[in-house]
Every structure is written in structure tokens, then in C-alpha cells.
PDB file of N, CA and C in Angstrom:
ATOM      1  N   MET A   1      72.651 164.804 159.200  1.00  0.00           N
ATOM      2  CA  MET A   1      72.726 165.974 160.067  1.00  0.00           C
ATOM      3  C   MET A   1      71.822 167.062 159.502  1.00  0.00           C
ATOM      4  N   ASP A   2      71.056 167.682 160.353  1.00  0.00           N
ATOM      5  CA  ASP A   2      70.147 168.743 159.940  1.00  0.00           C
ATOM      6  C   ASP A   2      70.848 170.086 160.105  1.00  0.00           C
ATOM      7  N   HIS A   3      71.097 170.758 158.982  1.00  0.00           N
ATOM      8  CA  HIS A   3      71.770 172.056 159.001  1.00  0.00           C
ATOM      9  C   HIS A   3      70.768 173.203 159.013  1.00  0.00           C
ATOM     10  N   ARG A   4      69.504 172.898 159.266  1.00  0.00           N
ATOM     11  CA  ARG A   4      68.451 173.902 159.201  1.00  0.00           C
ATOM     12  C   ARG A   4      68.731 175.035 160.191  1.00  0.00           C
ATOM     13  N   PRO A   5      68.779 176.274 159.703  1.00  0.00           N
ATOM     14  CA  PRO A   5      68.979 177.404 160.617  1.00  0.00           C
ATOM     15  C   PRO A   5      67.695 177.676 161.388  1.00  0.00           C
ATOM     16  N   PRO A   6      67.808 178.163 162.604  1.00  0.00           N
ATOM     17  CA  PRO A   6      66.581 178.485 163.342  1.00  0.00           C
ATOM     18  C   PRO A   6      65.922 179.718 162.743  1.00  0.00           C
ATOM     19  N   SER A   7      64.601 179.731 162.739  1.00  0.00           N
ATOM     20  CA  SER A   7      63.890 180.942 162.331  1.00  0.00           C
ATOM     21  C   SER A   7      63.076 181.413 163.527  1.00  0.00           C
ATOM     22  N   VAL A   8      62.896 182.704 163.611  1.00  0.00           N
ATOM     23  CA  VAL A   8      62.223 183.309 164.749  1.00  0.00           C
ATOM     24  C   VAL A   8      61.115 184.216 164.229  1.00  0.00           C
ATOM     25  N   ARG A   9      59.957 184.115 164.833  1.00  0.00           N
ATOM     26  CA  ARG A   9      58.846 185.000 164.506  1.00  0.00           C
ATOM     27  C   ARG A   9      58.662 185.929 165.698  1.00  0.00           C
ATOM     28  N   VAL A  10      58.698 187.240 165.441  1.00  0.00           N
ATOM     29  CA  VAL A  10      58.623 188.229 166.507  1.00  0.00           C
ATOM     30  C   VAL A  10      57.407 189.117 166.271  1.00  0.00           C
ATOM     31  N   GLU A  11      56.541 189.151 167.266  1.00  0.00           N
ATOM     32  CA  GLU A  11      55.347 189.997 167.192  1.00  0.00           C
ATOM     33  C   GLU A  11      55.697 191.401 167.657  1.00  0.00           C
ATOM     34  N   ARG A  12      55.159 192.394 166.976  1.00  0.00           N
ATOM     35  CA  ARG A  12      55.335 193.801 167.317  1.00  0.00           C
ATOM     36  C   ARG A  12      53.960 194.464 167.318  1.00  0.00           C
ATOM     37  N   PRO A  13      53.845 195.652 167.907  1.00  0.00           N
ATOM     38  CA  PRO A  13      52.543 196.334 167.909  1.00  0.00           C
ATOM     39  C   PRO A  13      52.036 196.619 166.493  1.00  0.00           C
ATOM     40  N   TRP A  14      52.957 196.801 165.544  1.00  0.00           N
ATOM     41  CA  TRP A  14      52.574 197.132 164.181  1.00  0.00           C
ATOM     42  C   TRP A  14      52.375 195.901 163.306  1.00  0.00           C
ATOM     43  N   GLY A  15      52.667 194.716 163.825  1.00  0.00           N
ATOM     44  CA  GLY A  15      52.558 193.482 163.050  1.00  0.00           C
ATOM     45  C   GLY A  15      53.580 192.469 163.532  1.00  0.00           C
ATOM     46  N   ARG A  16      54.433 191.967 162.614  1.00  0.00           N
ATOM     47  CA  ARG A  16      55.444 190.978 162.980  1.00  0.00           C
ATOM     48  C   ARG A  16      56.557 190.960 161.945  1.00  0.00           C
ATOM     49  N   PHE A  17      57.645 190.301 162.303  1.00  0.00           N
ATOM     50  CA  PHE A  17      58.680 189.972 161.324  1.00  0.00           C
ATOM     51  C   PHE A  17      59.160 188.564 161.583  1.00  0.00           C
ATOM     52  N   GLU A  18      59.684 187.960 160.531  1.00  0.00           N
ATOM     53  CA  GLU A  18      60.290 186.642 160.654  1.00  0.00           C
ATOM     54  C   GLU A  18      61.760 186.782 160.313  1.00  0.00           C
ATOM     55  N   GLN A  19      62.585 186.285 161.191  1.00  0.00           N
ATOM     56  CA  GLN A  19      64.039 186.345 161.006  1.00  0.00           C
ATOM     57  C   GLN A  19      64.508 184.946 160.640  1.00  0.00           C
ATOM     58  N   TYR A  20      65.135 184.825 159.478  1.00  0.00           N
ATOM     59  CA  TYR A  20      65.560 183.516 158.977  1.00  0.00           C
ATOM     60  C   TYR A  20      67.022 183.229 159.263  1.00  0.00           C
ATOM     61  N   THR A  21      67.805 184.250 159.462  1.00  0.00           N
ATOM     62  CA  THR A  21      69.216 184.052 159.798  1.00  0.00           C
ATOM     63  C   THR A  21      69.591 185.044 160.885  1.00  0.00           C
ATOM     64  N   HIS A  22      70.604 184.694 161.632  1.00  0.00           N
ATOM     65  CA  HIS A  22      71.122 185.600 162.648  1.00  0.00           C
ATOM     66  C   HIS A  22      72.619 185.351 162.753  1.00  0.00           C
ATOM     67  N   ASN A  23      73.390 186.291 162.272  1.00  0.00           N
ATOM     68  CA  ASN A  23      74.856 186.204 162.324  1.00  0.00           C
ATOM     69  C   ASN A  23      75.395 184.949 161.654  1.00  0.00           C
ATOM     70  N   LEU A  24      74.763 184.532 160.563  1.00  0.00           N
ATOM     71  CA  LEU A  24      75.231 183.384 159.796  1.00  0.00           C
ATOM     72  C   LEU A  24      75.668 183.848 158.410  1.00  0.00           C
ATOM     73  N   PRO A  25      76.766 183.304 157.902  1.00  0.00           N
ATOM     74  CA  PRO A  25      77.108 183.636 156.516  1.00  0.00           C
ATOM     75  C   PRO A  25      76.091 182.982 155.576  1.00  0.00           C
ATOM     76  N   CYS A  26      75.537 183.789 154.693  1.00  0.00           N
ATOM     77  CA  CYS A  26      74.540 183.264 153.774  1.00  0.00           C
ATOM     78  C   CYS A  26      74.459 184.162 152.536  1.00  0.00           C
ATOM     79  N   THR A  27      73.797 183.648 151.516  1.00  0.00           N
ATOM     80  CA  THR A  27      73.521 184.405 150.303  1.00  0.00           C
ATOM     81  C   THR A  27      72.006 184.434 150.141  1.00  0.00           C
ATOM     82  N   VAL A  28      71.457 185.606 149.846  1.00  0.00           N
ATOM     83  CA  VAL A  28      70.009 185.762 149.732  1.00  0.00           C
ATOM     84  C   VAL A  28      69.681 186.264 148.329  1.00  0.00           C
ATOM     85  N   LYS A  29      68.689 185.637 147.714  1.00  0.00           N
ATOM     86  CA  LYS A  29      68.235 186.119 146.410  1.00  0.00           C
ATOM     87  C   LYS A  29      66.761 185.798 146.245  1.00  0.00           C
ATOM     88  N   ILE A  30      66.130 186.479 145.306  1.00  0.00           N
ATOM     89  CA  ILE A  30      64.755 186.174 144.930  1.00  0.00           C
ATOM     90  C   ILE A  30      64.798 185.579 143.530  1.00  0.00           C
ATOM     91  N   ILE A  31      64.240 184.390 143.400  1.00  0.00           N
ATOM     92  CA  ILE A  31      64.155 183.702 142.113  1.00  0.00           C
ATOM     93  C   ILE A  31      62.765 183.975 141.556  1.00  0.00           C
ATOM     94  N   THR A  32      62.692 184.442 140.310  1.00  0.00           N
ATOM     95  CA  THR A  32      61.416 184.656 139.630  1.00  0.00           C
ATOM     96  C   THR A  32      61.350 183.699 138.446  1.00  0.00           C
ATOM     97  N   VAL A  33      60.329 182.859 138.430  1.00  0.00           N
ATOM     98  CA  VAL A  33      60.139 181.907 137.339  1.00  0.00           C
ATOM     99  C   VAL A  33      58.964 182.389 136.500  1.00  0.00           C
ATOM    100  N   ALA A  34      59.214 182.585 135.213  1.00  0.00           N
ATOM    101  CA  ALA A  34      58.178 183.034 134.287  1.00  0.00           C
ATOM    102  C   ALA A  34      57.116 181.940 134.114  1.00  0.00           C
ATOM    103  N   PRO A  35      55.876 182.324 133.775  1.00  0.00           N
ATOM    104  CA  PRO A  35      54.841 181.317 133.528  1.00  0.00           C
ATOM    105  C   PRO A  35      55.311 180.278 132.520  1.00  0.00           C
ATOM    106  N   GLY A  36      55.163 179.012 132.866  1.00  0.00           N
ATOM    107  CA  GLY A  36      55.615 177.916 132.012  1.00  0.00           C
ATOM    108  C   GLY A  36      57.090 177.601 132.159  1.00  0.00           C
ATOM    109  N   GLY A  37      57.811 178.370 132.957  1.00  0.00           N
ATOM    110  CA  GLY A  37      59.245 178.146 133.136  1.00  0.00           C
ATOM    111  C   GLY A  37      59.530 177.098 134.198  1.00  0.00           C
ATOM    112  N   THR A  38      60.696 176.497 134.106  1.00  0.00           N
ATOM    113  CA  THR A  38      61.098 175.496 135.088  1.00  0.00           C
ATOM    114  C   THR A  38      62.615 175.510 135.250  1.00  0.00           C
ATOM    115  N   LEU A  39      63.066 175.399 136.464  1.00  0.00           N
ATOM    116  CA  LEU A  39      64.495 175.298 136.730  1.00  0.00           C
ATOM    117  C   LEU A  39      64.959 173.873 136.447  1.00  0.00           C
ATOM    118  N   SER A  40      66.256 173.673 136.418  1.00  0.00           N
ATOM    119  CA  SER A  40      66.818 172.341 136.273  1.00  0.00           C
ATOM    120  C   SER A  40      66.397 171.468 137.452  1.00  0.00           C
ATOM    121  N   ARG A  41      66.300 170.159 137.209  1.00  0.00           N
ATOM    122  CA  ARG A  41      66.245 169.221 138.337  1.00  0.00           C
ATOM    123  C   ARG A  41      67.686 169.108 138.782  1.00  0.00           C
ATOM    124  N   GLN A  42      67.981 169.498 140.023  1.00  0.00           N
ATOM    125  CA  GLN A  42      69.354 169.745 140.432  1.00  0.00           C
ATOM    126  C   GLN A  42      69.578 169.472 141.907  1.00  0.00           C
ATOM    127  N   TYR A  43      70.845 169.507 142.284  1.00  0.00           N
ATOM    128  CA  TYR A  43      71.224 169.511 143.695  1.00  0.00           C
ATOM    129  C   TYR A  43      72.520 170.274 143.830  1.00  0.00           C
ATOM    130  N   HIS A  44      72.905 170.536 145.077  1.00  0.00           N
ATOM    131  CA  HIS A  44      74.137 171.267 145.379  1.00  0.00           C
ATOM    132  C   HIS A  44      74.965 170.439 146.356  1.00  0.00           C
ATOM    133  N   GLU A  45      76.259 170.452 146.177  1.00  0.00           N
ATOM    134  CA  GLU A  45      77.148 169.689 147.052  1.00  0.00           C
ATOM    135  C   GLU A  45      77.642 170.493 148.245  1.00  0.00           C
ATOM    136  N   LYS A  46      77.635 171.836 148.141  1.00  0.00           N
ATOM    137  CA  LYS A  46      78.279 172.656 149.165  1.00  0.00           C
ATOM    138  C   LYS A  46      77.358 173.635 149.866  1.00  0.00           C
ATOM    139  N   ARG A  47      76.062 173.547 149.635  1.00  0.00           N
ATOM    140  CA  ARG A  47      75.158 174.505 150.286  1.00  0.00           C
ATOM    141  C   ARG A  47      73.784 173.908 150.535  1.00  0.00           C
ATOM    142  N   ASP A  48      73.172 174.369 151.621  1.00  0.00           N
ATOM    143  CA  ASP A  48      71.778 174.102 151.932  1.00  0.00           C
ATOM    144  C   ASP A  48      70.993 175.331 151.486  1.00  0.00           C
ATOM    145  N   GLU A  49      69.699 175.148 151.251  1.00  0.00           N
ATOM    146  CA  GLU A  49      68.863 176.283 150.879  1.00  0.00           C
ATOM    147  C   GLU A  49      67.592 176.293 151.711  1.00  0.00           C
ATOM    148  N   LEU A  50      67.167 177.480 152.059  1.00  0.00           N
ATOM    149  CA  LEU A  50      65.856 177.693 152.661  1.00  0.00           C
ATOM    150  C   LEU A  50      65.061 178.510 151.658  1.00  0.00           C
ATOM    151  N   TRP A  51      63.944 177.966 151.212  1.00  0.00           N
ATOM    152  CA  TRP A  51      63.074 178.676 150.287  1.00  0.00           C
ATOM    153  C   TRP A  51      61.854 179.171 151.047  1.00  0.00           C
ATOM    154  N   VAL A  52      61.514 180.434 150.849  1.00  0.00           N
ATOM    155  CA  VAL A  52      60.290 181.003 151.388  1.00  0.00           C
ATOM    156  C   VAL A  52      59.445 181.403 150.178  1.00  0.00           C
ATOM    157  N   VAL A  53      58.288 180.807 150.063  1.00  0.00           N
ATOM    158  CA  VAL A  53      57.411 181.041 148.911  1.00  0.00           C
ATOM    159  C   VAL A  53      56.791 182.430 149.032  1.00  0.00           C
ATOM    160  N   ILE A  54      56.878 183.198 147.962  1.00  0.00           N
ATOM    161  CA  ILE A  54      56.315 184.546 147.953  1.00  0.00           C
ATOM    162  C   ILE A  54      54.962 184.565 147.243  1.00  0.00           C
ATOM    163  N   ASP A  55      54.868 183.884 146.109  1.00  0.00           N
ATOM    164  CA  ASP A  55      53.657 183.941 145.284  1.00  0.00           C
ATOM    165  C   ASP A  55      52.937 182.599 145.229  1.00  0.00           C
ATOM    166  N   PRO A  56      51.621 182.615 145.002  1.00  0.00           N
ATOM    167  CA  PRO A  56      50.898 181.355 144.796  1.00  0.00           C
ATOM    168  C   PRO A  56      51.275 180.755 143.444  1.00  0.00           C
ATOM    169  N   GLY A  57      51.086 179.447 143.310  1.00  0.00           N
ATOM    170  CA  GLY A  57      51.288 178.780 142.029  1.00  0.00           C
ATOM    171  C   GLY A  57      52.594 178.028 141.893  1.00  0.00           C
ATOM    172  N   ALA A  58      53.466 178.103 142.884  1.00  0.00           N
ATOM    173  CA  ALA A  58      54.752 177.405 142.780  1.00  0.00           C
ATOM    174  C   ALA A  58      54.539 175.894 142.773  1.00  0.00           C
ATOM    175  N   CYS A  59      55.300 175.225 141.937  1.00  0.00           N
ATOM    176  CA  CYS A  59      55.366 173.764 141.936  1.00  0.00           C
ATOM    177  C   CYS A  59      56.806 173.404 142.270  1.00  0.00           C
ATOM    178  N   VAL A  60      57.000 172.630 143.338  1.00  0.00           N
ATOM    179  CA  VAL A  60      58.333 172.272 143.791  1.00  0.00           C
ATOM    180  C   VAL A  60      58.466 170.758 143.789  1.00  0.00           C
ATOM    181  N   GLU A  61      59.478 170.261 143.090  1.00  0.00           N
ATOM    182  CA  GLU A  61      59.844 168.852 143.189  1.00  0.00           C
ATOM    183  C   GLU A  61      60.951 168.790 144.223  1.00  0.00           C
ATOM    184  N   LEU A  62      60.733 168.004 145.266  1.00  0.00           N
ATOM    185  CA  LEU A  62      61.694 167.942 146.362  1.00  0.00           C
ATOM    186  C   LEU A  62      61.897 166.493 146.762  1.00  0.00           C
ATOM    187  N   ASP A  63      63.073 165.970 146.419  1.00  0.00           N
ATOM    188  CA  ASP A  63      63.453 164.609 146.800  1.00  0.00           C
ATOM    189  C   ASP A  63      62.404 163.589 146.371  1.00  0.00           C
ATOM    190  N   GLY A  64      61.884 163.745 145.150  1.00  0.00           N
ATOM    191  CA  GLY A  64      60.932 162.793 144.591  1.00  0.00           C
ATOM    192  C   GLY A  64      59.467 163.124 144.834  1.00  0.00           C
ATOM    193  N   ALA A  65      59.166 164.059 145.727  1.00  0.00           N
ATOM    194  CA  ALA A  65      57.784 164.461 145.997  1.00  0.00           C
ATOM    195  C   ALA A  65      57.478 165.734 145.215  1.00  0.00           C
ATOM    196  N   VAL A  66      56.215 165.896 144.796  1.00  0.00           N
ATOM    197  CA  VAL A  66      55.768 167.114 144.124  1.00  0.00           C
ATOM    198  C   VAL A  66      54.904 167.890 145.113  1.00  0.00           C
ATOM    199  N   LEU A  67      55.299 169.138 145.384  1.00  0.00           N
ATOM    200  CA  LEU A  67      54.628 169.968 146.375  1.00  0.00           C
ATOM    201  C   LEU A  67      54.085 171.233 145.717  1.00  0.00           C
ATOM    202  N   TYR A  68      53.010 171.753 146.262  1.00  0.00           N
ATOM    203  CA  TYR A  68      52.420 173.009 145.825  1.00  0.00           C
ATOM    204  C   TYR A  68      52.323 173.911 147.052  1.00  0.00           C
ATOM    205  N   PRO A  69      53.449 174.483 147.482  1.00  0.00           N
ATOM    206  CA  PRO A  69      53.460 175.273 148.722  1.00  0.00           C
ATOM    207  C   PRO A  69      52.704 176.584 148.572  1.00  0.00           C
ATOM    208  N   GLU A  70      52.147 177.024 149.678  1.00  0.00           N
ATOM    209  CA  GLU A  70      51.411 178.281 149.742  1.00  0.00           C
ATOM    210  C   GLU A  70      52.374 179.434 150.027  1.00  0.00           C
ATOM    211  N   PRO A  71      51.988 180.667 149.697  1.00  0.00           N
ATOM    212  CA  PRO A  71      52.813 181.811 150.070  1.00  0.00           C
ATOM    213  C   PRO A  71      53.117 181.796 151.568  1.00  0.00           C
ATOM    214  N   GLU A  72      54.335 182.168 151.905  1.00  0.00           N
ATOM    215  CA  GLU A  72      54.903 182.196 153.253  1.00  0.00           C
ATOM    216  C   GLU A  72      55.338 180.822 153.747  1.00  0.00           C
ATOM    217  N   GLU A  73      55.033 179.758 153.007  1.00  0.00           N
ATOM    218  CA  GLU A  73      55.496 178.426 153.413  1.00  0.00           C
ATOM    219  C   GLU A  73      57.006 178.350 153.222  1.00  0.00           C
ATOM    220  N   LYS A  74      57.676 177.636 154.105  1.00  0.00           N
ATOM    221  CA  LYS A  74      59.128 177.515 154.076  1.00  0.00           C
ATOM    222  C   LYS A  74      59.518 176.083 153.754  1.00  0.00           C
ATOM    223  N   LEU A  75      60.482 175.931 152.858  1.00  0.00           N
ATOM    224  CA  LEU A  75      60.996 174.614 152.489  1.00  0.00           C
ATOM    225  C   LEU A  75      62.502 174.616 152.713  1.00  0.00           C
ATOM    226  N   PHE A  76      62.986 173.680 153.515  1.00  0.00           N
ATOM    227  CA  PHE A  76      64.423 173.553 153.728  1.00  0.00           C
ATOM    228  C   PHE A  76      64.938 172.464 152.801  1.00  0.00           C
ATOM    229  N   ILE A  77      65.991 172.781 152.055  1.00  0.00           N
ATOM    230  CA  ILE A  77      66.552 171.853 151.080  1.00  0.00           C
ATOM    231  C   ILE A  77      68.000 171.577 151.473  1.00  0.00           C
ATOM    232  N   PRO A  78      68.253 170.466 152.159  1.00  0.00           N
ATOM    233  CA  PRO A  78      69.625 170.149 152.546  1.00  0.00           C
ATOM    234  C   PRO A  78      70.496 169.894 151.313  1.00  0.00           C
ATOM    235  N   ARG A  79      71.787 170.161 151.446  1.00  0.00           N
ATOM    236  CA  ARG A  79      72.706 169.889 150.338  1.00  0.00           C
ATOM    237  C   ARG A  79      72.539 168.444 149.875  1.00  0.00           C
ATOM    238  N   GLU A  80      72.729 168.243 148.575  1.00  0.00           N
ATOM    239  CA  GLU A  80      72.613 166.956 147.887  1.00  0.00           C
ATOM    240  C   GLU A  80      71.183 166.446 147.775  1.00  0.00           C
ATOM    241  N   THR A  81      70.196 167.287 148.093  1.00  0.00           N
ATOM    242  CA  THR A  81      68.791 166.917 147.913  1.00  0.00           C
ATOM    243  C   THR A  81      68.334 167.400 146.540  1.00  0.00           C
ATOM    244  N   VAL A  82      67.792 166.505 145.738  1.00  0.00           N
ATOM    245  CA  VAL A  82      67.341 166.843 144.389  1.00  0.00           C
ATOM    246  C   VAL A  82      66.085 167.707 144.491  1.00  0.00           C
ATOM    247  N   HIS A  83      66.080 168.800 143.713  1.00  0.00           N
ATOM    248  CA  HIS A  83      64.948 169.725 143.753  1.00  0.00           C
ATOM    249  C   HIS A  83      64.779 170.437 142.417  1.00  0.00           C
ATOM    250  N   ARG A  84      63.569 170.999 142.227  1.00  0.00           N
ATOM    251  CA  ARG A  84      63.247 171.777 141.024  1.00  0.00           C
ATOM    252  C   ARG A  84      62.069 172.686 141.353  1.00  0.00           C
ATOM    253  N   LEU A  85      62.061 173.864 140.748  1.00  0.00           N
ATOM    254  CA  LEU A  85      60.978 174.833 140.911  1.00  0.00           C
ATOM    255  C   LEU A  85      60.407 175.146 139.542  1.00  0.00           C
ATOM    256  N   SER A  86      59.077 175.257 139.455  1.00  0.00           N
ATOM    257  CA  SER A  86      58.457 175.643 138.191  1.00  0.00           C
ATOM    258  C   SER A  86      57.205 176.473 138.461  1.00  0.00           C
ATOM    259  N   ALA A  87      56.753 177.152 137.403  1.00  0.00           N
ATOM    260  CA  ALA A  87      55.538 177.963 137.446  1.00  0.00           C
ATOM    261  C   ALA A  87      54.606 177.479 136.340  1.00  0.00           C
ATOM    262  N   PRO A  88      53.314 177.354 136.629  1.00  0.00           N
ATOM    263  CA  PRO A  88      52.401 176.837 135.613  1.00  0.00           C
ATOM    264  C   PRO A  88      52.266 177.777 134.412  1.00  0.00           C
ATOM    265  N   ALA A  89      52.114 177.187 133.233  1.00  0.00           N
ATOM    266  CA  ALA A  89      51.886 177.977 132.022  1.00  0.00           C
ATOM    267  C   ALA A  89      50.543 178.682 132.145  1.00  0.00           C
ATOM    268  N   GLY A  90      50.460 179.880 131.621  1.00  0.00           N
ATOM    269  CA  GLY A  90      49.212 180.622 131.621  1.00  0.00           C
ATOM    270  C   GLY A  90      48.889 181.322 132.929  1.00  0.00           C
ATOM    271  N   GLY A  91      49.754 181.174 133.918  1.00  0.00           N
ATOM    272  CA  GLY A  91      49.524 181.834 135.206  1.00  0.00           C
ATOM    273  C   GLY A  91      50.400 183.065 135.338  1.00  0.00           C
ATOM    274  N   ASP A  92      50.697 183.404 136.561  1.00  0.00           N
ATOM    275  CA  ASP A  92      51.564 184.535 136.863  1.00  0.00           C
ATOM    276  C   ASP A  92      52.966 184.038 137.184  1.00  0.00           C
ATOM    277  N   PRO A  93      53.961 184.917 137.132  1.00  0.00           N
ATOM    278  CA  PRO A  93      55.304 184.519 137.578  1.00  0.00           C
ATOM    279  C   PRO A  93      55.263 184.070 139.041  1.00  0.00           C
ATOM    280  N   VAL A  94      56.187 183.218 139.394  1.00  0.00           N
ATOM    281  CA  VAL A  94      56.301 182.702 140.752  1.00  0.00           C
ATOM    282  C   VAL A  94      57.645 183.145 141.320  1.00  0.00           C
ATOM    283  N   ARG A  95      57.609 183.707 142.538  1.00  0.00           N
ATOM    284  CA  ARG A  95      58.849 184.141 143.195  1.00  0.00           C
ATOM    285  C   ARG A  95      59.086 183.344 144.473  1.00  0.00           C
ATOM    286  N   ILE A  96      60.360 183.044 144.677  1.00  0.00           N
ATOM    287  CA  ILE A  96      60.823 182.336 145.867  1.00  0.00           C
ATOM    288  C   ILE A  96      61.968 183.151 146.455  1.00  0.00           C
ATOM    289  N   LEU A  97      61.929 183.393 147.757  1.00  0.00           N
ATOM    290  CA  LEU A  97      63.075 183.961 148.455  1.00  0.00           C
ATOM    291  C   LEU A  97      63.978 182.784 148.807  1.00  0.00           C
ATOM    292  N   GLU A  98      65.206 182.830 148.320  1.00  0.00           N
ATOM    293  CA  GLU A  98      66.158 181.741 148.570  1.00  0.00           C
ATOM    294  C   GLU A  98      67.271 182.248 149.477  1.00  0.00           C
ATOM    295  N   ILE A  99      67.499 181.529 150.567  1.00  0.00           N
ATOM    296  CA  ILE A  99      68.612 181.822 151.458  1.00  0.00           C
ATOM    297  C   ILE A  99      69.515 180.601 151.424  1.00  0.00           C
ATOM    298  N   SER A 100      70.748 180.792 150.949  1.00  0.00           N
ATOM    299  CA  SER A 100      71.702 179.693 150.820  1.00  0.00           C
ATOM    300  C   SER A 100      72.713 179.751 151.946  1.00  0.00           C
ATOM    301  N   PHE A 101      72.977 178.593 152.545  1.00  0.00           N
ATOM    302  CA  PHE A 101      73.935 178.473 153.643  1.00  0.00           C
ATOM    303  C   PHE A 101      75.058 177.546 153.211  1.00  0.00           C
ATOM    304  N   GLY A 102      76.275 177.953 153.478  1.00  0.00           N
ATOM    305  CA  GLY A 102      77.437 177.189 153.047  1.00  0.00           C
ATOM    306  C   GLY A 102      78.150 177.967 151.964  1.00  0.00           C
ATOM    307  N   HIS A 103      78.998 177.294 151.222  1.00  0.00           N
ATOM    308  CA  HIS A 103      79.751 177.958 150.157  1.00  0.00           C
ATOM    309  C   HIS A 103      78.839 178.176 148.960  1.00  0.00           C
ATOM    310  N   PHE A 104      78.597 179.456 148.612  1.00  0.00           N
ATOM    311  CA  PHE A 104      77.709 179.767 147.495  1.00  0.00           C
ATOM    312  C   PHE A 104      78.526 179.997 146.241  1.00  0.00           C
ATOM    313  N   ASP A 105      78.179 179.267 145.196  1.00  0.00           N
ATOM    314  CA  ASP A 105      78.816 179.396 143.895  1.00  0.00           C
ATOM    315  C   ASP A 105      77.823 178.826 142.888  1.00  0.00           C
ATOM    316  N   GLU A 106      77.446 179.607 141.883  1.00  0.00           N
ATOM    317  CA  GLU A 106      76.502 179.116 140.876  1.00  0.00           C
ATOM    318  C   GLU A 106      77.032 177.870 140.166  1.00  0.00           C
ATOM    319  N   ASP A 107      78.340 177.663 140.168  1.00  0.00           N
ATOM    320  CA  ASP A 107      78.915 176.466 139.559  1.00  0.00           C
ATOM    321  C   ASP A 107      78.708 175.218 140.420  1.00  0.00           C
ATOM    322  N   ASP A 108      78.139 175.383 141.618  1.00  0.00           N
ATOM    323  CA  ASP A 108      77.848 174.261 142.508  1.00  0.00           C
ATOM    324  C   ASP A 108      76.577 173.518 142.076  1.00  0.00           C
ATOM    325  N   ILE A 109      75.901 174.008 141.065  1.00  0.00           N
ATOM    326  CA  ILE A 109      74.670 173.362 140.600  1.00  0.00           C
ATOM    327  C   ILE A 109      75.027 172.098 139.828  1.00  0.00           C
ATOM    328  N   VAL A 110      74.499 170.965 140.290  1.00  0.00           N
ATOM    329  CA  VAL A 110      74.627 169.704 139.559  1.00  0.00           C
ATOM    330  C   VAL A 110      73.282 169.474 138.894  1.00  0.00           C
ATOM    331  N   ARG A 111      73.227 169.673 137.572  1.00  0.00           N
ATOM    332  CA  ARG A 111      71.967 169.548 136.832  1.00  0.00           C
ATOM    333  C   ARG A 111      71.785 168.107 136.385  1.00  0.00           C
ATOM    334  N   LEU A 112      70.661 167.517 136.781  1.00  0.00           N
ATOM    335  CA  LEU A 112      70.353 166.143 136.395  1.00  0.00           C
ATOM    336  C   LEU A 112      69.589 166.103 135.083  1.00  0.00           C
ATOM    337  N   ASP A 113      68.689 167.068 134.887  1.00  0.00           N
ATOM    338  CA  ASP A 113      68.051 167.278 133.592  1.00  0.00           C
ATOM    339  C   ASP A 113      67.572 168.722 133.532  1.00  0.00           C
ATOM    340  N   ASP A 114      67.416 169.203 132.301  1.00  0.00           N
ATOM    341  CA  ASP A 114      67.138 170.624 132.113  1.00  0.00           C
ATOM    342  C   ASP A 114      66.459 170.813 130.762  1.00  0.00           C
ATOM    343  N   VAL A 115      65.296 171.491 130.756  1.00  0.00           N
ATOM    344  CA  VAL A 115      64.564 171.690 129.504  1.00  0.00           C
ATOM    345  C   VAL A 115      65.269 172.649 128.555  1.00  0.00           C
ATOM    346  N   TYR A 116      66.298 173.365 129.048  1.00  0.00           N
ATOM    347  CA  TYR A 116      67.035 174.333 128.237  1.00  0.00           C
ATOM    348  C   TYR A 116      68.372 173.769 127.739  1.00  0.00           C
ATOM    349  N   GLY A 117      68.593 172.468 127.922  1.00  0.00           N
ATOM    350  CA  GLY A 117      69.796 171.820 127.406  1.00  0.00           C
ATOM    351  C   GLY A 117      71.052 172.081 128.231  1.00  0.00           C
ATOM    352  N   ARG A 118      70.914 172.435 129.504  1.00  0.00           N
ATOM    353  CA  ARG A 118      72.091 172.747 130.326  1.00  0.00           C
ATOM    354  C   ARG A 118      72.492 171.598 131.259  1.00  0.00           C
ATOM    355  N   ALA A 119      71.906 170.430 131.116  1.00  0.00           N
ATOM    356  CA  ALA A 119      72.227 169.306 132.006  1.00  0.00           C
ATOM    357  C   ALA A 119      73.684 168.887 131.802  1.00  0.00           C
ATOM    358  N   GLY A 120      74.179 168.174 132.804  1.00  0.00           N
ATOM    359  CA  GLY A 120      75.587 167.746 132.807  1.00  0.00           C
ATOM    360  C   GLY A 120      75.975 166.919 131.606  1.00  0.00           C
ATOM    361  N   PRO A 121      77.248 166.500 131.560  1.00  0.00           N
ATOM    362  CA  PRO A 121      77.783 165.786 130.389  1.00  0.00           C
ATOM    363  C   PRO A 121      77.096 164.486 130.100  1.00  0.00           C
TER     364      PRO A 121
END
């Protein structure tokens, strides 16, 4: 089942806006990854995520594929899909706007491996 929320792009005389949610319960945050940093290879059991790339240089592992999305590109990550975000060493920090749908709890992270030693038992 695809839980992807609809997104709407609205043109205005002054430019445009993109609406990613409308009357949906969600959690929104901006993730900043330092140069050379990498998140856990992980998945979530109770939430889907929509990532909107803010900065160039992001490296995303998504369900076994390695992607290099451009700024403004959107990636939908259904619950239980393995994913990881990293920023190249020697570059600039990478930011992702993350919108989580479903039950949000940082303890919902199932870490498969982690360079900081936080992987599961």
C-alpha cells in the first residue's frame, strides 16, 4: 500500500509554494549531516517519511540503491524501507527536510548498522 501523501505545487504572482501535507498529522524536522557524517542504515516500523533535499551533495541509500538527489528532489520512504543519509567528507553540510507520517518516536529507529556503535543488539 502506498501511503504517500499528495503534494501540491501552487503558482503565485510572486513565485510558488509547494504544500507537502494538508490536515495530516505529521512531524517535521530538518536533518543536518556534517561533512563525512552518516546516519545509521535503518528503517521504521510505524512511520513513513518524505524527504525533501535542501542542499547539494546528499548521498541516500534507499532499499539497496545509492542515490545522489538534487536540491528540491523528493524521496518517499515507506515504513520498513531500509535507508541511510550521508554527506561527503571535505564538502559542505547536507540538509534534508523530513516529514514523518504515522506514529513518530525516535525509539522507532531500527538500526541495522551504525558507524557510531548504536546498531541493535
